[in-house]
Amino acid sequence: MFSAMLFAISIVALAQFALYYWRAVVAGVAAQPISQDVLAAVQVHESELCGGDFQKLASLLTLAPELKSSPVGLGLVPAYFHIVGKLSDLFGKVSPALASWSEHERVLCARYAAVQVGRRLESNLAQAASMRCC
């Protein structure tokens, strides 16, 4: 009995650590500067970026082909964006703090997508340049 309870607590702690680590990685990527080309493509200024821009940025990422063999996409960020949006829809009217937190998280997801689009465009431009020089 004790070993089963200890195992369950260990699994919960490991899942919590994994979630915090994943969130820190997403926040670290989102903190990087966003390319002006990406902002121009979405027609928004960096200071005006909101959670509603995530869908535009995600679709822009799917339109840009990946020329390298190891594709970098959005991973679990769209699922996280969707879950946070549902939480805001369900409990946002009851708790303004939750609504504010969810919008902050949605902006974080949008910034992450914008940085990923910029990385993909830079990678594609570098690949095209290397093909031209040879």
Foldseek 3Di string as FASTA:
>chain_A
DVVVVVVVVVVVVVVVVVVVVVVVVLLVLLPDDFDPVLCVVLVHDLVGQWLVSLVVLLVLQVVQDAPDPDDDHLPCLVVVLVVLVVCCVVCVVVDVVSVVVSRVSSSSSSSSSRSSSVVRVVNVVVVVVVVVVD
